[in-house]
Amino acid sequence: MNILGVRIDNLNKKEILEKIEFFLTEETFHHIATVNPEFILRAQRDLGFKSILNNSDLNVADGVGIWYAFLRNFAYLKNRMAGVDLMEEVLKIANEKNETIFLAIHRNGLSLFEEIKGVLNEKYPNLIVDGMNIDPRKNKKILARINHAIVFCNFGFPEQEKFINLLKKKHNSDLRLSGYQGKIRLAMGVGGSFDFITKKIRRAPRWMQKIGLEWLWRFILEPRYRVKRIFNAVVVFPIKIIFKNTK
């Protein structure tokens, strides 16, 4: 279904994980996005970002606002999954398969590559973890270094999706060269998910997650940083959904 012109793949959790397993068997670059109301609002004024989302291989609903948008269109959303939860599921699958992963980490983020790698090595001992702390404004310089099965980028939206799109274009271009063996199978933008893994930020209690109030928890923890984002998600987005056709 399209919500304000952005595609959402209406799949249950089992179907999502089966797709991910399948992606890792193909010699093709697959882009996964976890789409929340803020993504959709940004896509209204950033057509490049909108195009990237609509050309991704899997768009998973992230946020209770997407669930309400489906109801507005008389449809039922089978599953919504926070980015950190989907990332953890990908890591579990990758650990079982002894995959290589690359972490493109914002150099000014709360959690840096070295500490994230340490946590992942302890939790997922079969993973081969590579990566680096990156200035997003100079990210083109490291594209050639990335040739791992799975790539996670935490630049925040839309920068992380645009970075992945650059990587996808380079990967597909290189595949056309004689003798090149591309390794990247899956890439995903993860926002602040690593900060939960390193425990720099605490997740909302489970009951708040289940009833769609994780946004309120984040606002309580980071009121100054979150106020505009929360306003967009819980006020602007519902108004647009109510007064615009979501088909």
Protein backbone atom coordinates (compact mmCIF):
# COMPACT_ATOMS: atom_id res chain seq x y z
CA MET A 1 0.00 0.00 0.00
CA ASN A 2 1.06 3.60 -0.59
CA ILE A 3 0.80 6.11 2.24
CA LEU A 4 0.99 9.66 0.86
CA GLY A 5 2.86 8.26 -2.12
CA VAL A 6 5.34 6.09 -0.16
CA ARG A 7 5.18 2.31 -0.50
CA ILE A 8 4.72 0.20 2.63
CA ASP A 9 5.06 -3.59 2.34
CA ASN A 10 2.27 -5.13 4.39
CA LEU A 11 3.91 -8.32 5.64
CA ASN A 12 3.80 -10.18 8.93
CA LYS A 13 6.98 -10.83 10.90
CA LYS A 14 7.46 -14.34 9.49
CA GLU A 15 7.17 -13.05 5.92
CA ILE A 16 9.65 -10.24 6.62
CA LEU A 17 12.25 -12.61 8.03
CA GLU A 18 11.77 -15.05 5.16
CA LYS A 19 12.43 -12.23 2.71
CA ILE A 20 15.62 -11.30 4.54
CA GLU A 21 16.79 -14.92 4.48
CA PHE A 22 16.10 -15.01 0.75
CA PHE A 23 17.92 -11.71 0.12
CA LEU A 24 21.06 -13.20 1.64
CA THR A 25 21.00 -16.07 -0.87
CA GLU A 26 20.93 -13.78 -3.92
CA GLU A 27 23.85 -12.09 -5.65
CA THR A 28 21.92 -8.84 -5.67
CA PHE A 29 22.05 -5.66 -3.59
CA HIS A 30 18.89 -5.37 -1.45
CA HIS A 31 17.92 -2.16 0.35
CA ILE A 32 15.70 -2.44 3.43
CA ALA A 33 14.05 0.61 5.01
CA THR A 34 12.02 0.94 8.19
CA VAL A 35 9.52 3.64 7.28
CA ASN A 36 7.92 5.80 9.95
CA PRO A 37 5.69 8.90 9.70
CA GLU A 38 8.71 11.22 9.64
CA PHE A 39 10.07 9.41 6.59
CA ILE A 40 6.79 9.90 4.79
CA LEU A 41 6.58 13.58 5.67
CA ARG A 42 10.16 14.17 4.51
CA ALA A 43 9.42 12.36 1.26
CA GLN A 44 6.70 14.92 0.46
CA ARG A 45 9.34 17.63 -0.03
CA ASP A 46 12.39 15.51 -0.88
CA LEU A 47 11.54 13.69 -4.10
CA GLY A 48 14.96 12.04 -4.29
CA PHE A 49 14.38 10.46 -0.89
CA LYS A 50 10.88 9.44 -1.95
CA SER A 51 12.23 7.73 -5.06
CA ILE A 52 14.82 5.84 -3.01
CA LEU A 53 12.13 4.53 -0.65
CA ASN A 54 9.83 3.50 -3.47
CA ASN A 55 12.66 1.66 -5.20
CA SER A 56 13.87 -0.17 -2.10
CA ASP A 57 13.48 -3.94 -1.87
CA LEU A 58 11.60 -3.99 1.43
CA ASN A 59 9.81 -1.20 3.32
CA VAL A 60 8.85 -2.27 6.83
CA ALA A 61 6.33 -0.19 8.79
CA ASP A 62 7.91 1.47 11.84
CA GLY A 63 5.65 3.45 14.14
CA VAL A 64 2.08 3.32 15.33
CA GLY A 65 1.21 6.20 12.98
CA ILE A 66 1.56 3.85 10.01
CA TRP A 67 -0.92 1.48 11.63
CA TYR A 68 -3.47 4.30 11.95
CA ALA A 69 -2.81 5.35 8.34
CA PHE A 70 -3.74 1.83 7.22
CA LEU A 71 -6.96 2.01 9.23
CA ARG A 72 -7.75 5.34 7.57
CA ASN A 73 -7.66 3.46 4.28
CA PHE A 74 -9.83 0.63 5.66
CA ALA A 75 -6.91 -1.78 5.72
CA TYR A 76 -5.12 -3.71 8.45
CA LEU A 77 -1.35 -3.48 8.95
CA LYS A 78 -0.09 -7.00 9.65
CA ASN A 79 3.01 -5.96 11.53
CA ARG A 80 4.97 -2.92 12.63
CA MET A 81 8.57 -3.30 13.68
CA ALA A 82 10.93 -0.74 15.19
CA GLY A 83 14.22 -0.32 13.38
CA VAL A 84 16.23 -1.67 16.31
CA ASP A 85 14.08 -4.82 16.44
CA LEU A 86 14.48 -5.47 12.73
CA MET A 87 18.23 -4.84 12.97
CA GLU A 88 18.47 -7.39 15.79
CA GLU A 89 16.61 -9.96 13.68
CA VAL A 90 19.02 -9.37 10.79
CA LEU A 91 21.98 -9.75 13.17
CA LYS A 92 20.61 -13.06 14.47
CA ILE A 93 20.27 -14.41 10.93
CA ALA A 94 23.72 -13.11 10.00
CA ASN A 95 25.26 -14.72 13.09
CA GLU A 96 23.76 -18.10 12.15
CA LYS A 97 25.27 -17.77 8.67
CA ASN A 98 28.69 -16.48 9.81
CA GLU A 99 28.25 -13.39 7.62
CA THR A 100 30.46 -10.34 7.27
CA ILE A 101 28.98 -6.96 8.17
CA PHE A 102 30.13 -3.37 7.71
CA LEU A 103 29.09 -0.60 10.09
CA ALA A 104 29.05 2.91 8.61
CA ILE A 105 28.94 4.90 11.86
CA HIS A 106 28.41 8.65 12.22
CA ARG A 107 31.60 9.96 13.79
CA ASN A 108 29.65 12.42 15.98
CA GLY A 109 27.10 9.88 17.21
CA LEU A 110 26.65 8.69 20.79
CA SER A 111 28.12 5.26 20.03
CA LEU A 112 31.32 4.89 18.02
CA PHE A 113 32.40 1.96 15.89
CA GLU A 114 34.84 0.44 18.37
CA GLU A 115 32.33 0.14 21.21
CA ILE A 116 29.55 -1.07 18.90
CA LYS A 117 31.88 -3.73 17.49
CA GLY A 118 32.77 -4.86 21.02
CA VAL A 119 29.12 -5.34 21.96
CA LEU A 120 28.31 -7.16 18.70
CA ASN A 121 31.33 -9.48 19.01
CA GLU A 122 30.17 -10.49 22.47
CA LYS A 123 26.51 -10.93 21.56
CA TYR A 124 26.99 -12.40 18.08
CA PRO A 125 30.35 -14.25 18.17
CA ASN A 126 30.06 -15.71 14.65
CA LEU A 127 29.85 -12.32 12.96
CA ILE A 128 32.83 -10.82 11.19
CA VAL A 129 32.49 -7.11 11.99
CA ASP A 130 34.22 -4.34 10.04
CA GLY A 131 33.47 -0.64 9.76
CA MET A 132 34.57 2.86 10.66
CA ASN A 133 33.53 6.21 12.07
CA ILE A 134 32.57 8.45 9.14
CA ASP A 135 31.87 12.09 8.40
CA PRO A 136 28.62 11.79 6.39
CA ARG A 137 29.65 14.81 4.29
CA LYS A 138 32.70 12.88 3.05
CA ASN A 139 31.18 9.43 2.78
CA LYS A 140 31.91 8.90 -0.93
CA LYS A 141 35.56 8.24 -0.11
CA ILE A 142 34.84 4.98 1.70
CA LEU A 143 32.40 3.39 -0.76
CA ALA A 144 35.16 1.36 -2.42
CA ARG A 145 36.10 -0.23 0.90
CA ILE A 146 32.67 -1.73 1.50
CA ASN A 147 32.22 -5.21 0.06
CA HIS A 148 30.56 -7.09 2.91
CA ALA A 149 27.43 -9.23 2.93
CA ILE A 150 25.49 -6.80 5.16
CA VAL A 151 25.83 -3.04 5.63
CA PHE A 152 24.30 -0.97 8.44
CA CYS A 153 24.39 2.83 8.33
CA ASN A 154 23.37 5.08 11.23
CA PHE A 155 23.61 8.56 9.70
CA GLY A 156 19.93 9.25 10.36
CA PHE A 157 17.35 9.76 7.65
CA PRO A 158 17.45 10.74 4.82
CA GLU A 159 21.27 10.75 4.77
CA GLN A 160 21.61 7.04 5.55
CA GLU A 161 19.18 6.06 2.78
CA LYS A 162 20.99 8.31 0.31
CA PHE A 163 24.32 6.80 1.35
CA ILE A 164 22.93 3.30 0.79
CA ASN A 165 21.62 4.38 -2.61
CA LEU A 166 25.10 5.61 -3.59
CA LEU A 167 26.52 2.27 -2.46
CA LYS A 168 23.86 0.44 -4.45
CA LYS A 169 24.67 2.38 -7.61
CA LYS A 170 28.40 1.70 -7.20
CA HIS A 171 27.80 -1.96 -6.48
CA ASN A 172 25.57 -2.42 -9.53
CA SER A 173 28.04 -0.51 -11.71
CA ASP A 174 30.92 -2.69 -10.50
CA LEU A 175 28.91 -5.84 -11.18
CA ARG A 176 28.85 -4.90 -14.84
CA LEU A 177 32.63 -4.97 -14.94
CA SER A 178 34.16 -8.21 -16.17
CA GLY A 179 35.28 -10.53 -13.38
CA TYR A 180 33.85 -8.51 -10.47
CA GLN A 181 32.23 -10.57 -7.73
CA GLY A 182 29.91 -8.37 -5.67
CA LYS A 183 29.39 -9.42 -2.06
CA ILE A 184 26.85 -6.93 -0.71
CA ARG A 185 23.49 -8.62 -0.28
CA LEU A 186 21.65 -6.36 2.14
CA ALA A 187 21.92 -2.76 3.38
CA MET A 188 19.80 -1.01 5.98
CA GLY A 189 19.65 2.39 7.63
CA VAL A 190 19.38 1.98 11.41
CA GLY A 191 19.28 5.52 12.83
CA GLY A 192 19.96 5.45 16.56
CA SER A 193 19.53 1.68 16.95
CA PHE A 194 23.13 1.07 17.99
CA ASP A 195 22.68 3.44 20.92
CA PHE A 196 20.18 0.96 22.36
CA ILE A 197 22.62 -1.92 21.88
CA THR A 198 25.43 -0.05 23.64
CA LYS A 199 22.90 1.07 26.29
CA LYS A 200 23.62 4.75 25.70
CA ILE A 201 19.84 5.15 25.44
CA ARG A 202 17.28 3.04 27.27
CA ARG A 203 14.35 1.59 25.36
CA ALA A 204 10.81 2.16 26.49
CA PRO A 205 9.24 -0.49 28.74
CA ARG A 206 7.75 -3.36 26.78
CA TRP A 207 4.17 -2.32 27.54
CA MET A 208 4.81 1.12 26.01
CA GLN A 209 6.31 -0.48 22.91
CA LYS A 210 3.29 -2.74 22.48
CA ILE A 211 0.69 0.03 22.63
CA GLY A 212 2.65 2.40 20.41
CA LEU A 213 3.89 4.87 23.04
CA GLU A 214 7.63 4.45 22.51
CA TRP A 215 7.64 7.95 21.01
CA LEU A 216 6.47 9.33 24.37
CA TRP A 217 9.30 7.57 26.17
CA ARG A 218 11.85 9.05 23.76
CA PHE A 219 10.33 12.49 24.30
CA ILE A 220 10.67 12.12 28.08
CA LEU A 221 14.34 11.16 27.72
CA GLU A 222 15.26 13.75 25.06
CA PRO A 223 12.62 16.53 25.15
CA ARG A 224 14.63 19.25 23.38
CA TYR A 225 15.86 16.96 20.63
CA ARG A 226 12.56 15.16 20.14
CA VAL A 227 9.94 17.90 20.35
CA LYS A 228 9.88 18.77 16.63
CA ARG A 229 10.04 15.14 15.55
CA ILE A 230 7.23 14.17 17.91
CA PHE A 231 5.10 17.07 16.72
CA ASN A 232 5.52 15.95 13.11
CA ALA A 233 4.73 12.32 13.94
CA VAL A 234 1.73 12.77 16.23
CA VAL A 235 0.19 16.01 14.92
CA VAL A 236 1.26 16.87 11.36
CA PHE A 237 1.21 13.31 10.00
CA PRO A 238 -2.28 12.40 11.30
CA ILE A 239 -3.70 15.66 9.93
CA LYS A 240 -2.28 14.89 6.48
CA ILE A 241 -3.60 11.34 6.65
CA ILE A 242 -7.09 12.45 7.66
CA PHE A 243 -7.44 15.09 4.96
CA LYS A 244 -5.60 13.41 2.10
CA ASN A 245 -6.40 10.25 0.18
CA THR A 246 -3.85 7.58 1.18
CA LYS A 247 -4.45 5.38 -1.87
